[in-house]
C-alpha atoms as a PDB file:
ATOM      1  CA  MET A   1    -150.132  -6.706 -81.207  1.00  0.00           C
ATOM      2  CA  ASN A   2    -151.770  -5.090 -84.205  1.00  0.00           C
ATOM      3  CA  ILE A   3    -152.359  -6.658 -87.656  1.00  0.00           C
ATOM      4  CA  HIS A   4    -149.244  -5.011 -89.162  1.00  0.00           C
ATOM      5  CA  GLU A   5    -147.028  -6.468 -86.442  1.00  0.00           C
ATOM      6  CA  THR A   6    -148.685  -9.891 -86.894  1.00  0.00           C
ATOM      7  CA  ILE A   7    -148.140  -9.855 -90.677  1.00  0.00           C
ATOM      8  CA  HIS A   8    -144.492  -8.698 -90.129  1.00  0.00           C
ATOM      9  CA  ASN A   9    -143.814 -11.515 -87.708  1.00  0.00           C
ATOM     10  CA  GLN A  10    -145.375 -14.097 -90.056  1.00  0.00           C
ATOM     11  CA  LEU A  11    -143.284 -12.791 -92.941  1.00  0.00           C
ATOM     12  CA  VAL A  12    -140.118 -13.091 -90.858  1.00  0.00           C
ATOM     13  CA  ALA A  13    -141.046 -16.656 -89.887  1.00  0.00           C
ATOM     14  CA  ALA A  14    -141.866 -17.662 -93.424  1.00  0.00           C
ATOM     15  CA  ILE A  15    -138.653 -16.229 -94.805  1.00  0.00           C
ATOM     16  CA  ALA A  16    -136.672 -17.955 -92.091  1.00  0.00           C
ATOM     17  CA  GLY A  17    -138.284 -21.291 -92.905  1.00  0.00           C
ATOM     18  CA  LEU A  18    -137.673 -20.939 -96.623  1.00  0.00           C
ATOM     19  CA  SER A  19    -134.080 -19.821 -95.894  1.00  0.00           C
ATOM     20  CA  ARG A  20    -133.477 -23.006 -93.820  1.00  0.00           C
ATOM     21  CA  ALA A  21    -134.947 -25.148 -96.592  1.00  0.00           C
ATOM     22  CA  ARG A  22    -132.760 -23.363 -99.195  1.00  0.00           C
ATOM     23  CA  ASP A  23    -129.640 -23.819 -97.005  1.00  0.00           C
ATOM     24  CA  SER A  24    -130.485 -27.525 -96.529  1.00  0.00           C
ATOM     25  CA  LEU A  25    -130.815 -28.006-100.285  1.00  0.00           C
ATOM     26  CA  VAL A  26    -127.580 -26.206-101.031  1.00  0.00           C
ATOM     27  CA  SER A  27    -125.571 -28.257 -98.529  1.00  0.00           C
ATOM     28  CA  MET A  28    -127.172 -31.563 -99.495  1.00  0.00           C
ATOM     29  CA  LYS A  29    -124.895 -34.072-101.130  1.00  0.00           C
ATOM     30  CA  PRO A  30    -126.229 -35.752-104.314  1.00  0.00           C
ATOM     31  CA  ASP A  31    -126.987 -39.066-102.594  1.00  0.00           C
ATOM     32  CA  GLU A  32    -128.218 -37.545 -99.339  1.00  0.00           C
ATOM     33  CA  THR A  33    -131.935 -37.530 -98.589  1.00  0.00           C
ATOM     34  CA  GLN A  34    -133.136 -34.897 -96.121  1.00  0.00           C
ATOM     35  CA  THR A  35    -136.458 -34.629 -97.885  1.00  0.00           C
ATOM     36  CA  GLN A  36    -138.567 -35.038 -94.768  1.00  0.00           C
ATOM     37  CA  GLU A  37    -136.919 -32.155 -92.979  1.00  0.00           C
ATOM     38  CA  ILE A  38    -136.869 -29.908 -95.996  1.00  0.00           C
ATOM     39  CA  GLY A  39    -140.554 -30.795 -96.605  1.00  0.00           C
ATOM     40  CA  ARG A  40    -141.435 -29.778 -93.062  1.00  0.00           C
ATOM     41  CA  GLN A  41    -139.581 -26.449 -93.437  1.00  0.00           C
ATOM     42  CA  ILE A  42    -141.394 -25.687 -96.721  1.00  0.00           C
ATOM     43  CA  GLU A  43    -144.741 -26.786 -95.260  1.00  0.00           C
ATOM     44  CA  SER A  44    -144.210 -24.510 -92.233  1.00  0.00           C
ATOM     45  CA  ALA A  45    -143.410 -21.573 -94.455  1.00  0.00           C
ATOM     46  CA  ALA A  46    -146.525 -22.334 -96.577  1.00  0.00           C
ATOM     47  CA  PHE A  47    -148.710 -22.225 -93.450  1.00  0.00           C
ATOM     48  CA  TYR A  48    -147.275 -18.799 -92.517  1.00  0.00           C
ATOM     49  CA  LEU A  49    -147.885 -17.540 -96.057  1.00  0.00           C
ATOM     50  CA  GLU A  50    -151.506 -18.676 -95.960  1.00  0.00           C
ATOM     51  CA  ASP A  51    -151.926 -16.893 -92.673  1.00  0.00           C
ATOM     52  CA  ILE A  52    -150.357 -13.746 -94.182  1.00  0.00           C
ATOM     53  CA  GLN A  53    -152.741 -13.884 -97.150  1.00  0.00           C
ATOM     54  CA  TYR A  54    -155.722 -14.241 -94.788  1.00  0.00           C
ATOM     55  CA  ASN A  55    -154.585 -11.370 -92.535  1.00  0.00           C
ATOM     56  CA  TRP A  56    -153.761  -9.172 -95.508  1.00  0.00           C
ATOM     57  CA  ALA A  57    -157.231  -9.770 -97.005  1.00  0.00           C
ATOM     58  CA  SER A  58    -158.756  -8.925 -93.567  1.00  0.00           C
ATOM     59  CA  LEU A  59    -156.766  -5.725 -93.496  1.00  0.00           C
ATOM     60  CA  GLU A  60    -157.974  -4.789 -96.999  1.00  0.00           C
ATOM     61  CA  ARG A  61    -161.544  -5.519 -96.120  1.00  0.00           C
ATOM     62  CA  SER A  62    -161.384  -3.363 -93.005  1.00  0.00           C
ATOM     63  CA  ARG A  63    -159.912  -0.465 -95.029  1.00  0.00           C
ATOM     64  CA  ALA A  64    -162.636  -0.838 -97.680  1.00  0.00           C
ATOM     65  CA  VAL A  65    -165.328  -0.624 -95.105  1.00  0.00           C
ATOM     66  CA  ARG A  66    -163.992   2.496 -93.429  1.00  0.00           C
ATOM     67  CA  PRO A  67    -164.070   5.657 -95.552  1.00  0.00           C
ATOM     68  CA  ALA A  68    -160.618   7.199 -96.195  1.00  0.00           C
ATOM     69  CA  PHE A  69    -161.420  10.454 -94.441  1.00  0.00           C
ATOM     70  CA  THR A  70    -162.437   8.769 -91.164  1.00  0.00           C
ATOM     71  CA  LYS A  71    -159.885   8.365 -88.487  1.00  0.00           C
ATOM     72  CA  PRO A  72    -159.762   5.036 -86.617  1.00  0.00           C
ATOM     73  CA  THR A  73    -161.540   5.268 -83.284  1.00  0.00           C
ATOM     74  CA  SER A  74    -158.269   5.039 -81.368  1.00  0.00           C
ATOM     75  CA  GLU A  75    -156.975   8.104 -83.190  1.00  0.00           C
ATOM     76  CA  ALA A  76    -160.222  10.054 -82.866  1.00  0.00           C
ATOM     77  CA  LEU A  77    -159.873  10.144 -79.066  1.00  0.00           C
END
């Protein structure tokens, strides 16, 4: 799996976690407390977003090191 696929999968997972948290909040009754479950969903999404930031920064660094006119090794073969 390449970095683009990894970032894509992490984005999908983060969005899914945030969507579940949103749905839980919308369906929650005023006196109901599902805060632990919603907190876990938001925390999970936050971890994915941190990973995405790290992977994106790694991707940017690798592009900055390689001159724009140079093909990646896999394409040069």
